[in-house]
Amino acid sequence: MSKSTVGGDQVTPTYLIRGARVVGGEPTDLLVAGGVVTQAGSGLDARGATVVDADGLVALPGLVDLHTHLREPGREDAETVESGSRAAALGGYTAVCAMANTSPVADTAGVVEQVWRLGREAGLVDVQPIGAVTVGLAGERLAELGAMADSAARVRIFSDDGHCVADPRLMRRALEYVKAFDGVIAQHAEEPRLTEGAQMHEGEVSTRLGLTGWPAVAEEAIIARDVLLAEHVGSRLHVCHLSTAGSVEVLRHAKARGVRVTAEVTPHHLLLTDEIVGGRRELVSPALGDLASGSAGTTGAGYDPVFKVNPPLRTAADAAALRDALIEGIIDVVATDHAPHALEDKECEWAYARPGMLGLETALSVLLSVLGERWDLIAERMSRTPARIAGLVEHGRDPAPGVPANLTLVDPAARRTVDPGELASRSRNTPYAGMTLPGRIVATFLAGEPTVLDGKAVR
């Protein structure tokens, strides 16, 4: 990268991104000034601009994550808004939606405004808080949905993620309430009476390992109920972390009827399966190919809590169905469910470990390993559609003249071996440690300002 210093002092920074392939197209130059892309074309010149050499790089609209746990306030030992924002920027994200299961819970205007302001202070990504559906995530009475919607944070998505809104009357009331301002209820689909004591996916592997199973029907039953409620109310429903083939079919049927429902899938449910819990890495999703370190067919140590997640890793058949549904558009979005945990919450016996995995810094690489270089599809599932669902009008737009300069530059030829110690997150619970993944984020721009350059956070 080189910098031109011709002319006087600049009022606002100007950047010339040279030779980027916008969403995988032909190489083009992008001139960024005043927070927007001002020109696009070949051979652009801008005196005084900082030149970013993007030869061989793909320019994507900045990624948008609908499902991030930033842990602040309350568990700053695991993550802060600043550290999570840095991890997001390094993963190519320009906006993240922060889940409500903090301490105190984000169930009031005051807490969501605190998270929103912390995000603005960090200035690495746009942090959009998600409000809780119920007070304290307890599932007993609605939280202050209207006050959060009217707050400075302008909350539009509400979720009790980590807990299911199990009471159908309460779920109906929530859907009715948010319809007034075109809000969204994002459901953690888990019938709690079917998952009590569950430790992993219910199936052959759980039986072999002697662990209590989490049946697929516990997810599918709630989704089936909620799409009927959403249809009845005429409101917007979003299904968090879809994980089973049966859930795909429920969703397919609902969409065919015109229900206003969207759904997300996580990178780990696309790539990993329940076999890895038993240490059989050769039976990880076939999409993994040679990404796992070591020779195929080896068996590692089982019961590693880094692979404990909710919903649990499912079967290879489920992972294949999820990948097909993502390509088809039945599943709308890839969301990370980035869930950092302190060492003591993961480096313990399986039964006592907290569920969750890191995801922000590896999500795009996992998608490249699953989908290949289908750049338009990746842009749609990781940027455009999540931005539309969240109502983030400044995000999810392909780089072009007049568009806010929220974008990321990816080197598709690069490969990297994931080292937990090199991640920006305060936590280390990545399921991809030691795996060599394709793609590398070279630069990320937020409102025309770089947050990542040469693969490193600028602050």
Protein backbone atom coordinates (compact mmCIF):
# COMPACT_ATOMS: atom_id res chain seq x y z
CA MET A 1 0.00 0.00 0.00
CA SER A 2 1.33 3.44 -0.87
CA LYS A 3 0.21 6.98 -0.07
CA SER A 4 0.14 10.04 -2.33
CA THR A 5 0.73 13.39 -0.64
CA VAL A 6 0.14 15.79 -3.53
CA GLY A 7 -1.90 18.89 -2.61
CA GLY A 8 -2.90 20.39 0.72
CA ASP A 9 -4.42 18.92 3.84
CA GLN A 10 -7.51 16.79 3.30
CA VAL A 11 -10.71 17.53 5.12
CA THR A 12 -11.75 13.87 4.95
CA PRO A 13 -9.60 10.83 4.12
CA THR A 14 -9.66 9.63 0.54
CA TYR A 15 -8.76 6.10 -0.52
CA LEU A 16 -8.21 4.65 -3.97
CA ILE A 17 -8.78 0.90 -3.96
CA ARG A 18 -6.92 -0.27 -7.04
CA GLY A 19 -8.00 -3.31 -9.09
CA ALA A 20 -10.57 -4.98 -6.81
CA ARG A 21 -12.97 -7.55 -8.24
CA VAL A 22 -16.34 -6.29 -6.98
CA VAL A 23 -18.32 -9.37 -5.91
CA GLY A 24 -15.98 -11.46 -8.05
CA GLY A 25 -16.40 -9.41 -11.23
CA GLU A 26 -13.77 -7.76 -13.41
CA PRO A 27 -11.00 -5.73 -11.74
CA THR A 28 -12.03 -2.14 -11.09
CA ASP A 29 -10.88 0.86 -9.10
CA LEU A 30 -12.98 2.30 -6.28
CA LEU A 31 -12.53 5.85 -5.04
CA VAL A 32 -13.70 6.33 -1.47
CA ALA A 33 -14.19 9.80 0.02
CA GLY A 34 -16.53 11.33 2.56
CA GLY A 35 -17.70 7.93 3.72
CA VAL A 36 -19.02 6.81 0.32
CA VAL A 37 -17.77 5.27 -2.89
CA THR A 38 -17.57 8.30 -5.19
CA GLN A 39 -16.27 6.68 -8.38
CA ALA A 40 -15.79 3.21 -9.86
CA GLY A 41 -13.94 2.37 -13.06
CA SER A 42 -10.57 1.63 -14.61
CA GLY A 43 -7.50 3.80 -14.26
CA LEU A 44 -8.92 6.18 -11.66
CA ASP A 45 -6.52 8.70 -10.23
CA ALA A 46 -6.90 10.79 -7.11
CA ARG A 47 -4.27 13.17 -5.92
CA GLY A 48 -3.65 12.98 -2.21
CA ALA A 49 -5.44 9.65 -1.87
CA THR A 50 -4.12 6.66 0.01
CA VAL A 51 -3.79 3.86 -2.54
CA VAL A 52 -4.82 0.36 -1.49
CA ASP A 53 -3.45 -2.26 -3.87
CA ALA A 54 -6.30 -4.74 -4.34
CA ASP A 55 -4.86 -6.74 -7.23
CA GLY A 56 -6.26 -10.27 -6.96
CA LEU A 57 -8.65 -9.28 -4.16
CA VAL A 58 -12.43 -9.54 -4.13
CA ALA A 59 -14.45 -6.57 -2.83
CA LEU A 60 -17.63 -7.54 -0.98
CA PRO A 61 -20.21 -5.42 0.77
CA GLY A 62 -19.25 -5.38 4.44
CA LEU A 63 -20.51 -8.52 6.15
CA VAL A 64 -23.45 -8.24 8.56
CA ASP A 65 -23.93 -10.67 11.45
CA LEU A 66 -27.44 -11.09 12.84
CA HIS A 67 -26.27 -13.17 15.81
CA THR A 68 -23.30 -12.09 17.93
CA HIS A 69 -22.69 -12.38 21.65
CA LEU A 70 -20.50 -9.52 22.86
CA ARG A 71 -20.95 -10.37 26.58
CA GLU A 72 -20.74 -6.76 27.77
CA PRO A 73 -22.12 -5.77 30.23
CA GLY A 74 -21.44 -8.52 32.74
CA ARG A 75 -18.93 -10.99 31.27
CA GLU A 76 -16.08 -8.76 30.15
CA ASP A 77 -13.70 -11.60 31.05
CA ALA A 78 -15.02 -13.46 27.98
CA GLU A 79 -15.54 -10.55 25.57
CA THR A 80 -16.17 -6.82 25.44
CA VAL A 81 -17.96 -4.76 22.84
CA GLU A 82 -14.56 -3.45 21.76
CA SER A 83 -12.79 -6.83 21.52
CA GLY A 84 -15.77 -8.42 19.78
CA SER A 85 -15.99 -5.50 17.36
CA ARG A 86 -12.30 -5.91 16.54
CA ALA A 87 -12.80 -9.63 15.90
CA ALA A 88 -15.75 -8.77 13.67
CA ALA A 89 -13.77 -6.23 11.62
CA LEU A 90 -10.97 -8.75 11.16
CA GLY A 91 -13.60 -11.19 9.90
CA GLY A 92 -14.80 -8.71 7.28
CA TYR A 93 -17.85 -7.46 9.18
CA THR A 94 -19.04 -3.87 9.24
CA ALA A 95 -22.16 -4.46 11.36
CA VAL A 96 -23.12 -6.94 14.06
CA CYS A 97 -26.34 -7.47 16.01
CA ALA A 98 -25.54 -8.00 19.69
CA MET A 99 -27.69 -10.55 21.51
CA ALA A 100 -29.50 -9.63 24.72
CA ASN A 101 -28.20 -12.30 27.12
CA THR A 102 -25.86 -9.97 28.98
CA SER A 103 -25.82 -9.20 32.71
CA PRO A 104 -27.94 -7.22 33.23
CA VAL A 105 -30.08 -8.52 30.40
CA ALA A 106 -30.70 -6.08 27.54
CA ASP A 107 -34.42 -5.86 28.32
CA THR A 108 -34.66 -2.09 28.88
CA ALA A 109 -33.92 1.03 26.87
CA GLY A 110 -31.05 1.84 29.23
CA VAL A 111 -29.13 -1.38 28.63
CA VAL A 112 -29.55 -1.43 24.84
CA GLU A 113 -28.43 2.20 24.70
CA GLN A 114 -25.36 1.31 26.76
CA VAL A 115 -24.38 -1.43 24.29
CA TRP A 116 -25.09 0.86 21.34
CA ARG A 117 -22.91 3.63 22.78
CA LEU A 118 -20.07 1.21 23.55
CA GLY A 119 -20.18 0.16 19.92
CA ARG A 120 -20.00 3.76 18.73
CA GLU A 121 -17.07 4.43 21.04
CA ALA A 122 -15.18 1.42 19.72
CA GLY A 123 -15.84 2.57 16.15
CA LEU A 124 -14.80 -0.72 14.53
CA VAL A 125 -18.20 -1.97 13.36
CA ASP A 126 -21.75 -0.71 13.73
CA VAL A 127 -23.14 -2.49 16.78
CA GLN A 128 -26.93 -2.89 16.65
CA PRO A 129 -28.34 -4.22 19.94
CA ILE A 130 -31.00 -6.92 19.99
CA GLY A 131 -33.52 -6.51 22.78
CA ALA A 132 -34.87 -9.29 24.96
CA VAL A 133 -38.40 -10.52 24.29
CA THR A 134 -39.12 -11.19 27.97
CA VAL A 135 -37.96 -9.62 31.21
CA GLY A 136 -34.71 -11.24 32.31
CA LEU A 137 -35.10 -13.85 29.54
CA ALA A 138 -37.40 -15.62 32.01
CA GLY A 139 -40.21 -16.23 29.54
CA GLU A 140 -42.89 -14.90 31.87
CA ARG A 141 -43.76 -11.34 30.76
CA LEU A 142 -42.84 -9.12 27.86
CA ALA A 143 -39.89 -6.78 28.17
CA GLU A 144 -40.06 -3.07 27.27
CA LEU A 145 -40.24 -3.70 23.54
CA GLY A 146 -41.67 -0.32 22.66
CA ALA A 147 -39.22 1.62 24.82
CA MET A 148 -36.27 -0.24 23.25
CA ALA A 149 -37.66 0.41 19.77
CA ASP A 150 -37.97 4.14 20.56
CA SER A 151 -34.56 4.37 22.24
CA ALA A 152 -31.41 5.84 20.69
CA ALA A 153 -30.48 2.26 19.73
CA ARG A 154 -33.67 1.94 17.59
CA VAL A 155 -33.99 -1.78 18.32
CA ARG A 156 -35.87 -3.74 15.66
CA ILE A 157 -34.95 -7.35 16.46
CA PHE A 158 -35.91 -8.99 19.75
CA SER A 159 -34.73 -12.38 21.00
CA ASP A 160 -34.40 -14.42 24.17
CA ASP A 161 -31.58 -16.35 22.47
CA GLY A 162 -30.20 -19.03 24.74
CA HIS A 163 -33.78 -19.54 25.87
CA CYS A 164 -36.89 -20.36 23.89
CA VAL A 165 -40.01 -18.24 24.21
CA ALA A 166 -41.83 -21.45 25.03
CA ASP A 167 -45.23 -20.03 26.06
CA PRO A 168 -47.32 -19.79 22.86
CA ARG A 169 -49.52 -17.02 24.27
CA LEU A 170 -46.47 -14.90 25.10
CA MET A 171 -44.95 -15.58 21.70
CA ARG A 172 -48.18 -14.49 20.02
CA ARG A 173 -48.27 -11.28 22.06
CA ALA A 174 -44.66 -10.51 21.15
CA LEU A 175 -45.36 -11.00 17.44
CA GLU A 176 -48.42 -8.76 17.69
CA TYR A 177 -46.51 -6.03 19.54
CA VAL A 178 -43.59 -5.72 17.13
CA LYS A 179 -45.86 -5.75 14.08
CA ALA A 180 -46.72 -2.11 14.84
CA PHE A 181 -43.17 -0.99 13.95
CA ASP A 182 -42.26 -3.83 11.58
CA GLY A 183 -40.02 -5.46 14.16
CA VAL A 184 -38.79 -9.04 14.18
CA ILE A 185 -38.96 -11.76 16.82
CA ALA A 186 -35.90 -14.01 16.55
CA GLN A 187 -36.66 -17.35 18.15
CA HIS A 188 -34.25 -19.80 19.76
CA ALA A 189 -36.26 -22.86 18.73
CA GLU A 190 -36.00 -25.42 21.51
CA GLU A 191 -38.89 -27.08 23.30
CA PRO A 192 -37.35 -27.15 26.81
CA ARG A 193 -39.35 -30.12 28.03
CA LEU A 194 -37.72 -32.24 25.31
CA THR A 195 -34.14 -31.13 26.00
CA GLU A 196 -33.85 -31.27 29.77
CA GLY A 197 -30.36 -32.50 30.62
CA ALA A 198 -29.40 -32.75 26.94
CA GLN A 199 -25.68 -32.73 26.13
CA MET A 200 -25.48 -33.31 22.36
CA HIS A 201 -27.56 -34.34 19.35
CA GLU A 202 -29.76 -37.37 20.03
CA GLY A 203 -28.71 -40.18 17.76
CA GLU A 204 -26.24 -42.97 17.22
CA VAL A 205 -23.25 -40.97 18.48
CA SER A 206 -24.94 -39.83 21.70
CA THR A 207 -25.89 -43.44 22.41
CA ARG A 208 -22.33 -44.61 21.79
CA LEU A 209 -20.88 -41.88 24.01
CA GLY A 210 -23.47 -42.23 26.76
CA LEU A 211 -24.59 -38.61 26.61
CA THR A 212 -28.19 -37.44 26.95
CA GLY A 213 -29.53 -36.48 23.54
CA TRP A 214 -31.08 -33.22 22.21
CA PRO A 215 -33.69 -34.49 19.70
CA ALA A 216 -34.20 -32.76 16.38
CA VAL A 217 -37.95 -32.64 17.01
CA ALA A 218 -37.40 -30.22 19.91
CA GLU A 219 -36.34 -27.61 17.36
CA GLU A 220 -38.75 -28.57 14.63
CA ALA A 221 -41.84 -28.50 16.87
CA ILE A 222 -41.21 -24.91 17.98
CA ILE A 223 -40.55 -23.72 14.42
CA ALA A 224 -43.77 -25.37 13.23
CA ARG A 225 -45.73 -23.69 16.03
CA ASP A 226 -44.16 -20.29 15.48
CA VAL A 227 -44.65 -20.12 11.72
CA LEU A 228 -48.34 -20.78 12.35
CA LEU A 229 -48.41 -17.98 14.92
CA ALA A 230 -46.55 -15.62 12.58
CA GLU A 231 -48.99 -16.47 9.78
CA HIS A 232 -51.96 -15.86 12.06
CA VAL A 233 -50.64 -12.50 13.28
CA GLY A 234 -49.09 -11.41 9.99
CA SER A 235 -45.84 -10.52 11.72
CA ARG A 236 -42.15 -11.17 11.05
CA LEU A 237 -40.45 -14.24 12.52
CA HIS A 238 -36.76 -15.08 12.31
CA VAL A 239 -35.46 -18.51 13.27
CA CYS A 240 -32.05 -18.52 14.93
CA HIS A 241 -29.38 -21.16 14.18
CA LEU A 242 -31.48 -23.66 12.17
CA SER A 243 -29.80 -27.05 12.55
CA THR A 244 -31.87 -29.97 11.23
CA ALA A 245 -33.09 -31.31 7.91
CA GLY A 246 -36.61 -31.48 9.35
CA SER A 247 -36.50 -27.77 10.21
CA VAL A 248 -35.61 -27.03 6.58
CA GLU A 249 -38.78 -28.78 5.43
CA VAL A 250 -40.95 -26.91 7.95
CA LEU A 251 -39.44 -23.66 6.72
CA ARG A 252 -39.89 -24.61 3.07
CA HIS A 253 -43.58 -25.30 3.63
CA ALA A 254 -44.08 -22.01 5.51
CA LYS A 255 -42.38 -19.94 2.82
CA ALA A 256 -44.47 -21.60 0.13
CA ARG A 257 -47.56 -20.35 2.02
CA GLY A 258 -46.19 -16.81 2.17
CA VAL A 259 -45.40 -16.71 5.89
CA ARG A 260 -43.09 -13.81 6.78
CA VAL A 261 -40.33 -16.02 8.11
CA THR A 262 -36.56 -15.93 7.65
CA ALA A 263 -33.90 -18.22 9.04
CA GLU A 264 -30.19 -18.35 9.68
CA VAL A 265 -27.62 -21.13 9.79
CA THR A 266 -24.25 -21.01 11.50
CA PRO A 267 -20.94 -21.85 9.84
CA HIS A 268 -20.33 -24.65 12.33
CA HIS A 269 -23.62 -26.37 11.55
CA LEU A 270 -22.73 -26.27 7.86
CA LEU A 271 -19.31 -27.79 8.35
CA LEU A 272 -19.09 -29.89 11.52
CA THR A 273 -21.12 -32.90 12.67
CA ASP A 274 -21.80 -34.79 15.88
CA GLU A 275 -19.12 -37.35 15.01
CA ILE A 276 -16.44 -34.85 15.99
CA VAL A 277 -17.69 -34.98 19.59
CA GLY A 278 -16.44 -38.56 19.70
CA GLY A 279 -13.10 -37.53 18.21
CA ARG A 280 -13.70 -39.07 14.77
CA ARG A 281 -12.49 -36.24 12.56
CA GLU A 282 -12.71 -38.31 9.40
CA LEU A 283 -16.48 -38.19 9.81
CA VAL A 284 -16.67 -34.43 10.05
CA SER A 285 -18.89 -33.04 7.26
CA PRO A 286 -17.52 -34.13 3.86
CA ALA A 287 -17.27 -30.44 2.92
CA LEU A 288 -14.26 -30.23 5.23
CA GLY A 289 -12.12 -32.19 2.80
CA ASP A 290 -8.44 -31.75 3.69
CA LEU A 291 -9.00 -28.77 5.99
CA ALA A 292 -8.47 -30.76 9.17
CA SER A 293 -4.87 -31.06 10.18
CA GLY A 294 -3.40 -34.51 10.28
CA SER A 295 -4.20 -37.43 8.05
CA ALA A 296 -7.74 -38.44 7.21
CA GLY A 297 -9.08 -41.33 9.20
CA THR A 298 -7.37 -40.44 12.48
CA THR A 299 -9.32 -40.44 15.72
CA GLY A 300 -8.57 -37.69 18.23
CA ALA A 301 -9.62 -37.18 21.83
CA GLY A 302 -13.37 -37.14 22.29
CA TYR A 303 -15.61 -35.12 24.60
CA ASP A 304 -13.76 -31.88 23.81
CA PRO A 305 -16.03 -29.11 25.21
CA VAL A 306 -15.01 -26.75 22.41
CA PHE A 307 -17.52 -28.69 20.27
CA LYS A 308 -20.37 -28.28 22.74
CA VAL A 309 -22.91 -25.85 21.30
CA ASN A 310 -26.65 -25.14 21.43
CA PRO A 311 -28.29 -26.31 19.23
CA PRO A 312 -25.82 -29.17 19.05
CA LEU A 313 -23.80 -30.31 16.06
CA ARG A 314 -26.05 -32.61 14.05
CA THR A 315 -25.51 -35.45 11.57
CA ALA A 316 -23.79 -35.32 8.19
CA ALA A 317 -27.23 -35.65 6.57
CA ASP A 318 -28.44 -32.59 8.46
CA ALA A 319 -25.35 -30.60 7.45
CA ALA A 320 -25.88 -31.54 3.80
CA ALA A 321 -29.55 -30.48 3.97
CA LEU A 322 -28.55 -27.15 5.51
CA ARG A 323 -25.99 -26.49 2.78
CA ASP A 324 -28.52 -27.29 0.05
CA ALA A 325 -31.15 -25.07 1.71
CA LEU A 326 -28.69 -22.20 1.98
CA ILE A 327 -27.89 -22.42 -1.72
CA GLU A 328 -31.57 -22.74 -2.63
CA GLY A 329 -32.57 -19.76 -0.48
CA ILE A 330 -34.80 -21.62 1.96
CA ILE A 331 -32.26 -20.53 4.57
CA ASP A 332 -31.76 -16.80 4.14
CA VAL A 333 -28.68 -15.93 6.16
CA VAL A 334 -25.41 -17.18 7.57
CA ALA A 335 -25.01 -15.89 11.14
CA THR A 336 -22.06 -16.71 13.36
CA ASP A 337 -23.65 -17.19 16.81
CA HIS A 338 -20.23 -15.96 18.00
CA ALA A 339 -20.26 -17.14 21.63
CA PRO A 340 -17.02 -16.42 23.52
CA HIS A 341 -16.47 -18.14 26.86
CA ALA A 342 -13.84 -17.71 29.54
CA LEU A 343 -11.36 -20.56 29.99
CA GLU A 344 -13.02 -21.91 33.12
CA ASP A 345 -16.32 -22.26 31.26
CA LYS A 346 -14.79 -24.41 28.52
CA GLU A 347 -11.73 -26.14 29.95
CA CYS A 348 -13.72 -28.46 32.18
CA GLU A 349 -15.71 -31.68 31.99
CA TRP A 350 -18.15 -31.86 29.06
CA ALA A 351 -21.25 -31.89 31.28
CA TYR A 352 -20.26 -28.66 33.02
CA ALA A 353 -19.00 -26.76 29.97
CA ARG A 354 -20.97 -23.82 28.59
CA PRO A 355 -22.24 -24.25 25.02
CA GLY A 356 -20.91 -21.97 22.31
CA MET A 357 -18.12 -21.32 19.80
CA LEU A 358 -16.23 -18.37 18.39
CA GLY A 359 -17.18 -17.51 14.83
CA LEU A 360 -16.58 -13.93 13.71
CA GLU A 361 -12.99 -14.27 12.49
CA THR A 362 -13.50 -17.56 10.64
CA ALA A 363 -17.04 -17.36 9.21
CA LEU A 364 -16.15 -16.21 5.71
CA SER A 365 -13.39 -18.80 5.42
CA VAL A 366 -15.79 -21.56 6.46
CA LEU A 367 -18.31 -20.36 3.86
CA LEU A 368 -15.60 -20.43 1.19
CA SER A 369 -14.77 -24.00 2.17
CA VAL A 370 -18.45 -25.00 1.99
CA LEU A 371 -19.62 -23.01 -1.05
CA GLY A 372 -16.45 -22.28 -2.95
CA GLU A 373 -16.02 -18.89 -4.62
CA ARG A 374 -19.72 -18.22 -5.20
CA TRP A 375 -19.22 -14.56 -4.43
CA ASP A 376 -22.71 -13.31 -5.25
CA LEU A 377 -24.28 -16.01 -3.08
CA ILE A 378 -21.87 -15.24 -0.24
CA ALA A 379 -22.65 -11.52 -0.51
CA GLU A 380 -26.38 -12.27 -0.45
CA ARG A 381 -26.29 -14.60 2.56
CA MET A 382 -23.68 -12.75 4.62
CA SER A 383 -24.39 -9.10 3.83
CA ARG A 384 -27.36 -8.03 1.73
CA THR A 385 -30.07 -10.19 3.28
CA PRO A 386 -29.01 -9.84 6.93
CA ALA A 387 -28.82 -6.06 6.45
CA ARG A 388 -32.37 -6.05 5.08
CA ILE A 389 -33.69 -8.18 7.95
CA ALA A 390 -32.07 -5.90 10.53
CA GLY A 391 -33.08 -2.70 8.74
CA LEU A 392 -29.46 -1.54 8.43
CA VAL A 393 -29.85 0.63 5.35
CA GLU A 394 -26.21 1.77 5.31
CA HIS A 395 -25.01 -1.83 5.00
CA GLY A 396 -25.46 -4.75 2.63
CA ARG A 397 -24.95 -2.71 -0.54
CA ASP A 398 -22.43 -3.69 -3.21
CA PRO A 399 -19.60 -1.16 -3.66
CA ALA A 400 -20.71 1.34 -6.32
CA PRO A 401 -20.82 5.13 -6.77
CA GLY A 402 -23.03 6.79 -4.17
CA VAL A 403 -23.09 3.75 -1.86
CA PRO A 404 -21.81 4.02 1.74
CA ALA A 405 -18.26 2.68 1.82
CA ASN A 406 -18.90 -0.30 4.10
CA LEU A 407 -16.90 -3.01 2.39
CA THR A 408 -14.30 -5.70 2.81
CA LEU A 409 -11.43 -6.94 0.63
CA VAL A 410 -10.78 -10.68 0.55
CA ASP A 411 -7.77 -12.61 -0.73
CA PRO A 412 -9.33 -15.84 -2.06
CA ALA A 413 -5.94 -17.41 -2.81
CA ALA A 414 -4.69 -17.19 0.77
CA ARG A 415 -4.94 -20.05 3.23
CA ARG A 416 -4.38 -19.88 6.95
CA THR A 417 -4.15 -22.32 9.81
CA VAL A 418 -6.34 -21.21 12.69
CA ASP A 419 -4.36 -20.45 15.86
CA PRO A 420 -6.61 -19.59 18.84
CA GLY A 421 -3.82 -17.48 20.36
CA GLU A 422 -3.82 -15.17 17.35
CA LEU A 423 -7.54 -14.36 17.45
CA ALA A 424 -8.68 -10.90 18.54
CA SER A 425 -11.43 -12.25 20.79
CA ARG A 426 -10.74 -12.36 24.52
CA SER A 427 -11.76 -16.03 24.42
CA ARG A 428 -10.14 -18.99 22.68
CA ASN A 429 -13.00 -21.46 22.12
CA THR A 430 -12.74 -21.86 18.36
CA PRO A 431 -13.70 -25.28 16.93
CA TYR A 432 -11.36 -24.72 13.98
CA ALA A 433 -8.04 -24.72 15.87
CA GLY A 434 -5.39 -26.36 13.69
CA MET A 435 -7.58 -26.40 10.58
CA THR A 436 -6.31 -24.72 7.41
CA LEU A 437 -9.08 -22.58 5.94
CA PRO A 438 -9.27 -20.71 2.62
CA GLY A 439 -9.44 -16.95 2.24
CA ARG A 440 -8.10 -14.02 4.23
CA ILE A 441 -9.55 -10.62 5.05
CA VAL A 442 -7.04 -8.03 3.85
CA ALA A 443 -9.00 -4.84 4.55
CA THR A 444 -12.31 -3.70 5.99
CA PHE A 445 -13.79 -0.22 5.61
CA LEU A 446 -16.50 1.23 7.85
CA ALA A 447 -18.13 4.42 6.53
CA GLY A 448 -15.08 5.02 4.34
CA GLU A 449 -12.52 4.58 7.14
CA PRO A 450 -10.31 1.49 7.34
CA THR A 451 -10.75 -0.67 10.41
CA VAL A 452 -8.46 -3.38 9.00
CA LEU A 453 -5.50 -2.89 6.64
CA ASP A 454 -3.00 -5.50 5.49
CA GLY A 455 -4.91 -8.06 7.54
CA LYS A 456 -4.40 -6.20 10.82
CA ALA A 457 -6.77 -4.10 12.90
CA VAL A 458 -5.86 -0.45 12.69
CA ARG A 459 -6.62 0.04 16.39
